[in-house]
Protein backbone atom coordinates (compact mmCIF):
# COMPACT_ATOMS: atom_id res chain seq x y z
CA MET A 1 -37.16 -44.28 105.54
CA CYS A 2 -34.61 -41.87 106.93
CA GLY A 3 -36.00 -38.53 108.02
CA ARG A 4 -34.31 -38.12 111.38
CA GLY A 5 -30.96 -39.24 112.77
CA ALA A 6 -28.60 -38.99 115.73
CA CYS A 7 -24.86 -38.77 116.36
CA THR A 8 -23.89 -39.74 119.88
CA LEU A 9 -20.13 -39.06 119.51
CA ASP A 10 -18.37 -35.84 120.46
CA PRO A 11 -16.52 -34.04 117.62
CA GLY A 12 -13.10 -35.54 118.41
CA ALA A 13 -14.36 -39.12 118.66
CA PHE A 14 -16.49 -38.57 115.56
CA ARG A 15 -13.49 -37.51 113.46
CA LYS A 16 -11.36 -40.43 114.72
CA GLU A 17 -14.08 -42.96 113.96
CA VAL A 18 -14.64 -41.54 110.47
CA ALA A 19 -10.88 -41.77 109.80
CA LYS A 20 -10.92 -45.39 110.96
CA ARG A 21 -13.83 -46.23 108.67
CA LEU A 22 -11.95 -44.63 105.78
CA GLY A 23 -8.97 -46.94 106.18
CA GLY A 24 -6.93 -44.70 108.47
CA LYS A 25 -6.86 -41.69 106.14
CA GLU A 26 -6.29 -38.32 107.72
CA VAL A 27 -9.59 -36.49 108.02
CA GLU A 28 -9.64 -32.72 108.22
CA GLU A 29 -11.71 -31.23 111.00
CA CYS A 30 -15.03 -29.72 110.02
CA PRO A 31 -15.81 -26.57 112.03
CA GLY A 32 -19.49 -26.31 112.85
CA ARG A 33 -19.82 -29.95 113.94
CA GLU A 34 -20.71 -29.38 117.56
CA GLY A 35 -21.31 -32.34 119.85
CA GLY A 36 -24.61 -33.71 121.01
CA LYS A 37 -26.55 -34.00 117.76
CA TRP A 38 -29.19 -36.29 119.19
CA ASN A 39 -31.93 -35.15 116.81
CA ILE A 40 -30.68 -34.43 113.29
CA ALA A 41 -33.58 -33.27 111.15
CA PRO A 42 -34.00 -32.24 107.50
CA GLY A 43 -32.82 -28.66 107.17
CA SER A 44 -29.99 -29.21 109.66
CA TYR A 45 -26.36 -28.54 108.77
CA TYR A 46 -24.26 -31.66 109.16
CA PRO A 47 -20.77 -32.77 107.98
CA VAL A 48 -20.49 -35.24 105.13
CA VAL A 49 -17.45 -36.82 103.47
CA ARG A 50 -17.48 -36.11 99.73
CA GLU A 51 -15.86 -38.03 96.90
CA GLY A 52 -12.35 -37.08 95.78
CA GLY A 53 -8.71 -38.13 95.89
CA GLY A 54 -5.91 -37.37 98.34
CA ASP A 55 -6.74 -36.19 101.84
CA VAL A 56 -10.30 -36.66 102.91
CA GLY A 57 -12.16 -33.60 104.11
CA MET A 58 -15.54 -33.26 105.72
CA VAL A 59 -17.73 -30.49 104.35
CA LEU A 60 -20.71 -28.94 106.00
CA GLY A 61 -23.95 -29.44 104.08
CA ARG A 62 -27.65 -28.83 104.64
CA TRP A 63 -29.82 -31.95 104.62
CA GLY A 64 -32.40 -31.60 101.84
CA LEU A 65 -32.28 -30.56 98.18
CA GLU A 66 -34.55 -27.68 97.30
CA GLY A 67 -37.17 -28.83 94.82
CA VAL A 68 -40.12 -27.46 92.92
CA GLY A 69 -42.79 -25.51 94.78
CA GLY A 70 -40.72 -24.99 97.91
CA ARG A 71 -40.59 -28.71 98.67
CA PHE A 72 -37.38 -30.37 99.86
CA VAL A 73 -36.06 -33.71 98.65
CA VAL A 74 -34.77 -35.49 101.75
CA ASN A 75 -34.56 -39.09 100.51
CA ALA A 76 -34.16 -40.55 97.02
CA ARG A 77 -34.61 -44.16 95.97
CA GLY A 78 -31.18 -45.64 95.37
CA GLU A 79 -32.38 -48.29 92.90
CA GLY A 80 -32.87 -45.85 90.02
CA VAL A 81 -30.95 -42.76 91.08
CA GLY A 82 -28.29 -43.24 88.37
CA GLU A 83 -30.87 -42.65 85.63
CA LYS A 84 -32.48 -39.56 87.15
CA ALA A 85 -31.51 -36.25 85.55
CA MET A 86 -32.06 -34.54 88.89
CA PHE A 87 -29.05 -36.33 90.40
CA LYS A 88 -26.60 -36.62 87.49
CA HIS A 89 -24.58 -33.52 88.38
CA LEU A 90 -24.32 -34.30 92.08
CA LYS A 91 -21.23 -35.64 93.83
CA ARG A 92 -21.33 -38.74 95.97
CA CYS A 93 -20.84 -38.36 99.71
CA VAL A 94 -21.26 -40.29 102.96
CA MET A 95 -23.26 -39.16 105.99
CA PHE A 96 -21.96 -40.82 109.18
CA ILE A 97 -24.58 -41.09 111.94
CA SER A 98 -24.95 -43.32 115.01
CA GLY A 99 -28.50 -44.31 114.15
CA PHE A 100 -31.80 -43.12 112.72
CA TYR A 101 -35.39 -42.82 113.90
CA GLU A 102 -38.50 -44.30 112.36
CA TRP A 103 -42.15 -44.09 113.35
CA HIS A 104 -44.49 -47.08 113.47
CA SER A 105 -48.25 -46.53 113.41
CA THR A 106 -50.60 -48.74 115.41
CA ASP A 107 -54.29 -47.85 115.76
CA GLY A 108 -53.49 -44.29 114.70
CA ASP A 109 -50.76 -43.91 117.32
CA LYS A 110 -47.22 -43.19 116.09
CA GLN A 111 -44.40 -44.63 118.18
CA PRO A 112 -40.79 -43.61 117.34
CA TYR A 113 -38.00 -46.18 117.35
CA TYR A 114 -34.24 -45.65 117.35
CA ILE A 115 -32.49 -47.98 114.87
CA PHE A 116 -28.75 -48.65 115.17
CA ASP A 117 -25.96 -51.19 114.81
CA PRO A 118 -24.69 -52.24 118.26
CA SER A 119 -21.37 -53.37 116.76
CA THR A 120 -20.29 -49.91 115.56
CA PRO A 121 -20.69 -46.30 116.75
CA LEU A 122 -21.38 -44.95 113.25
CA LEU A 123 -23.47 -45.99 110.25
CA PRO A 124 -22.17 -44.76 106.86
CA LEU A 125 -25.15 -43.67 104.74
CA ALA A 126 -24.84 -43.27 100.98
CA ALA A 127 -25.80 -39.75 99.94
CA LEU A 128 -25.46 -37.24 97.10
CA TYR A 129 -24.05 -33.74 97.50
CA ASN A 130 -24.90 -30.57 95.56
CA GLU A 131 -21.71 -28.48 95.60
CA GLN A 132 -23.37 -25.31 94.36
CA ALA A 133 -26.01 -25.21 97.10
CA SER A 134 -24.04 -27.15 99.76
CA THR A 135 -26.97 -29.53 100.29
CA PHE A 136 -27.30 -33.30 100.28
CA VAL A 137 -29.88 -36.07 99.97
CA VAL A 138 -29.79 -39.54 101.58
CA LEU A 139 -30.39 -42.62 99.41
CA THR A 140 -32.80 -45.36 100.46
CA THR A 141 -33.52 -48.96 99.54
CA SER A 142 -36.02 -51.67 100.44
CA SER A 143 -35.97 -52.50 104.13
CA ALA A 144 -34.24 -55.62 105.40
CA PRO A 145 -36.78 -58.35 106.34
CA SER A 146 -36.31 -57.63 110.05
CA LEU A 147 -37.37 -53.99 109.57
CA THR A 148 -40.33 -54.27 107.22
CA TRP A 149 -42.77 -54.20 110.14
CA ILE A 150 -41.76 -50.63 110.93
CA HIS A 151 -41.22 -49.27 107.40
CA HIS A 152 -40.84 -50.58 103.85
CA ARG A 153 -37.78 -48.38 103.16
CA MET A 154 -34.45 -47.84 104.93
CA PRO A 155 -31.28 -45.83 104.19
CA VAL A 156 -28.53 -47.34 102.04
CA ILE A 157 -25.90 -48.33 104.64
CA LEU A 158 -22.37 -48.97 103.37
CA THR A 159 -19.67 -51.35 104.55
CA ASP A 160 -16.11 -50.06 104.90
CA GLU A 161 -15.18 -51.60 101.52
CA GLU A 162 -18.23 -50.03 99.88
CA ILE A 163 -17.35 -46.59 101.26
CA GLU A 164 -14.15 -46.63 99.18
CA ALA A 165 -16.04 -47.57 96.02
CA TRP A 166 -18.79 -45.01 96.69
CA LEU A 167 -16.28 -42.16 97.10
CA ASP A 168 -14.14 -43.19 94.10
CA PRO A 169 -14.52 -40.35 91.52
CA LYS A 170 -13.49 -42.73 88.73
CA LYS A 171 -16.67 -44.75 89.17
CA GLN A 172 -19.95 -43.64 87.65
CA LEU A 173 -23.16 -43.62 89.65
CA SER A 174 -24.69 -46.03 87.14
CA ASP A 175 -21.86 -48.50 87.93
CA LEU A 176 -22.94 -48.71 91.57
CA LYS A 177 -26.49 -50.03 91.07
CA LYS A 178 -25.95 -53.15 93.19
CA LEU A 179 -24.59 -51.06 96.02
CA THR A 180 -27.51 -48.62 96.08
CA ALA A 181 -30.11 -51.39 95.91
CA LYS A 182 -28.70 -53.65 98.62
CA GLN A 183 -30.08 -54.22 102.09
CA PHE A 184 -28.16 -54.05 105.36
CA GLY A 185 -28.85 -56.52 108.16
CA GLY A 186 -27.79 -56.71 111.78
CA LEU A 187 -29.62 -53.59 112.93
CA LYS A 188 -31.30 -53.37 116.33
CA TRP A 189 -34.01 -51.04 117.55
CA HIS A 190 -35.88 -49.91 120.62
CA PRO A 191 -38.75 -47.51 121.35
CA VAL A 192 -37.83 -43.96 122.36
CA THR A 193 -39.65 -40.93 123.71
CA LYS A 194 -42.23 -39.31 121.45
CA SER A 195 -40.55 -35.98 122.18
CA VAL A 196 -37.97 -36.90 119.54
CA GLY A 197 -40.60 -35.84 117.00
CA LYS A 198 -39.95 -32.24 118.01
CA VAL A 199 -36.96 -30.88 116.13
CA ALA A 200 -36.01 -28.61 119.04
CA TYR A 201 -35.77 -31.58 121.42
CA ASN A 202 -32.04 -32.40 121.38
CA THR A 203 -30.82 -34.29 124.45
CA PRO A 204 -29.24 -37.71 125.17
CA ASP A 205 -32.73 -38.86 126.19
CA CYS A 206 -33.64 -38.95 122.48
CA VAL A 207 -31.89 -42.31 122.00
CA LYS A 208 -32.69 -43.91 125.35
CA GLU A 209 -35.04 -46.88 125.38
CA VAL A 210 -38.40 -46.25 127.01
CA PRO A 211 -41.50 -48.40 127.63
CA ILE A 212 -44.11 -48.02 124.92
CA GLU A 213 -46.93 -45.68 125.84
CA LYS A 214 -50.37 -46.73 124.71
CA GLY A 215 -53.69 -45.60 126.05
CA GLY A 216 -51.86 -43.57 128.71
CA LYS A 217 -50.16 -46.72 130.09
CA LYS A 218 -46.57 -47.82 129.70
CA ARG A 219 -45.77 -51.33 128.64
CA GLY A 220 -42.67 -53.21 127.57
CA LEU A 221 -42.42 -54.67 124.06
CA THR A 222 -41.93 -58.43 123.89
CA ILE A 223 -42.05 -60.86 120.97
CA GLY A 224 -45.35 -62.20 122.26
CA SER A 225 -46.93 -58.78 122.72
CA PHE A 226 -45.77 -57.64 119.28
CA PHE A 227 -47.49 -60.50 117.45
CA ALA A 228 -50.52 -60.61 119.74
CA PRO A 229 -53.84 -59.31 118.31
CA ASN A 230 -54.24 -55.57 118.75
CA LYS A 231 -56.86 -54.54 121.28
CA LYS A 232 -58.85 -51.37 120.91
CA VAL A 233 -57.58 -48.94 123.50
CA LYS A 234 -58.83 -45.41 123.89
CA LYS A 235 -55.96 -43.01 123.34
CA ALA A 236 -55.11 -40.69 126.17
CA GLU A 237 -54.87 -37.01 125.40
CA GLU A 238 -51.31 -35.91 124.81
CA THR A 239 -49.36 -32.96 123.51
CA PRO A 240 -49.25 -32.98 119.70
CA VAL A 241 -45.91 -34.23 118.40
CA GLU A 242 -44.21 -33.02 115.24
CA VAL A 243 -43.59 -36.13 113.13
CA ILE A 244 -42.13 -35.90 109.66
CA ASP A 245 -43.85 -38.57 107.60
CA LEU A 246 -41.81 -39.64 104.57
CA ASP A 247 -43.98 -42.63 103.72
CA LYS A 248 -44.68 -41.82 100.07
CA GLU A 249 -45.59 -45.08 98.35
CA ASP A 250 -44.32 -45.80 94.83
CA SER A 251 -42.45 -42.52 94.54
CA ASP A 252 -39.01 -42.34 92.93
CA VAL A 253 -38.14 -39.12 94.72
CA LEU A 254 -39.37 -38.70 98.27
CA VAL A 255 -40.14 -35.19 99.47
CA ILE A 256 -41.62 -33.44 102.47
CA ASP A 257 -43.64 -30.26 102.39
CA ASP A 258 -43.25 -29.03 105.97
CA MET A 259 -39.52 -28.32 105.95
CA PRO A 260 -38.43 -25.05 107.55
CA PRO A 261 -37.77 -22.44 104.83
CA PRO A 262 -34.17 -22.12 103.62
CA PRO A 263 -32.10 -19.11 104.71
CA THR A 264 -33.22 -15.95 102.96
CA GLN A 265 -29.63 -15.03 102.09
CA ALA A 266 -28.65 -15.88 98.54
CA ALA A 267 -25.23 -17.24 99.56
CA PRO A 268 -24.84 -20.54 101.43
CA HIS A 269 -24.62 -20.60 105.21
CA PRO A 270 -21.51 -18.65 106.37
CA LEU A 271 -19.82 -21.83 107.64
CA VAL A 272 -20.51 -23.59 104.36
CA GLN A 273 -19.22 -20.63 102.34
CA LYS A 274 -16.05 -20.40 104.43
CA PHE A 275 -15.02 -24.04 104.58
CA ASN A 276 -16.33 -25.34 101.24
CA SER A 277 -15.07 -22.51 99.00
CA ARG A 278 -12.03 -24.53 97.90
CA TYR A 279 -14.13 -26.92 95.85
CA ALA A 280 -14.91 -26.14 92.24
CA THR A 281 -18.55 -26.32 91.26
CA ASP A 282 -20.59 -26.95 88.17
CA PRO A 283 -22.53 -23.72 87.38
CA SER A 284 -25.58 -25.73 86.37
CA SER A 285 -28.33 -25.58 88.96
CA ILE A 286 -29.96 -28.77 90.11
CA LEU A 287 -33.33 -27.07 89.89
CA SER A 288 -32.98 -26.76 86.12
CA LEU A 289 -32.44 -30.50 85.80
CA ILE A 290 -35.84 -31.61 87.07
CA GLU A 291 -37.25 -32.78 83.77
CA ASP A 292 -38.59 -36.26 84.42
C-alpha cells in the first residue's frame, strides 16, 4: 500500500529535482517544507504539485481526507477512482517522495521495508487534492510482480511523461484510467529498523538497511533464505511498535481508524491558509459527496 514515506532531499535539492521532473518549469518554493522528512505519516503536512497551467507551484497539504465517523482516507484505488462521487470534485496532484515503507508479516512478526527506485531521487505519486480542506489522498494499484510478496497493492507511480498528462486540467479523471491502473517496475527494497513504525521517529536511520531481526537474532536476507521453509522461532520480547496497517482486502476506498485527530481550529493549518489562499475553491464539501 502506501501509508508511510520518506524524502531524503533537503528543500533546495527537492525543489530543483521537482522542476527537472516537470520538464524544467520554474517551481515556486513551498514554505513549511523543512528538510529531513524521513518518516512521512498520514496526518503530516507535505508539499504537493497540483494541476493547473502556467507556473507550477507547490502547495502544502495534509495527507488524508477526512471521512465518515472520524476515519481518514489515506489511499484510494486508482482503478475506479474516476467513477467515485467522493473524488469527482478533487483536483489532481503529485506527491514527490524518495521512497515508501511497507510491512511484511511472517509468523506474526511485522518487518518494515523501504521501497525505492535507485535510478532517481524522487518517485512521483499520483494523488488527489481537496482545495477546500487542503488535504490529499494517494492513489494505489495492484503491485508489480516483484512486490506481491510484501503487499498486493502499491502506489501509482508516474513517469515524467505521465506527470504532464496527470496535471493537465483539460483531461478528465475518467480519461486517465490506464494511467491509474498501471504498475511500475524497477523498484528495489531492503529491510529497515522497526522504529520507523513510530511516527515520532524521524532520522536518516529510517531508510538505512539493517539485518532482519527474528527471534531476537539478526540475520541477512538472501534469495535462498527468503524461499526457504519458515521455521518456528519463539519471538523475543520487544517494545511495541506503532504500525499503520492499510491492508483492507477488496475495499474501493482504504481508510485507517487510528489517525491523529485533525486540528481543532476550523480554518486550515496557518501555513496552508497563508500560501494556498490564492486558489479558488469549490464550496461543495467532499464529506457531502460520500453517497456510494
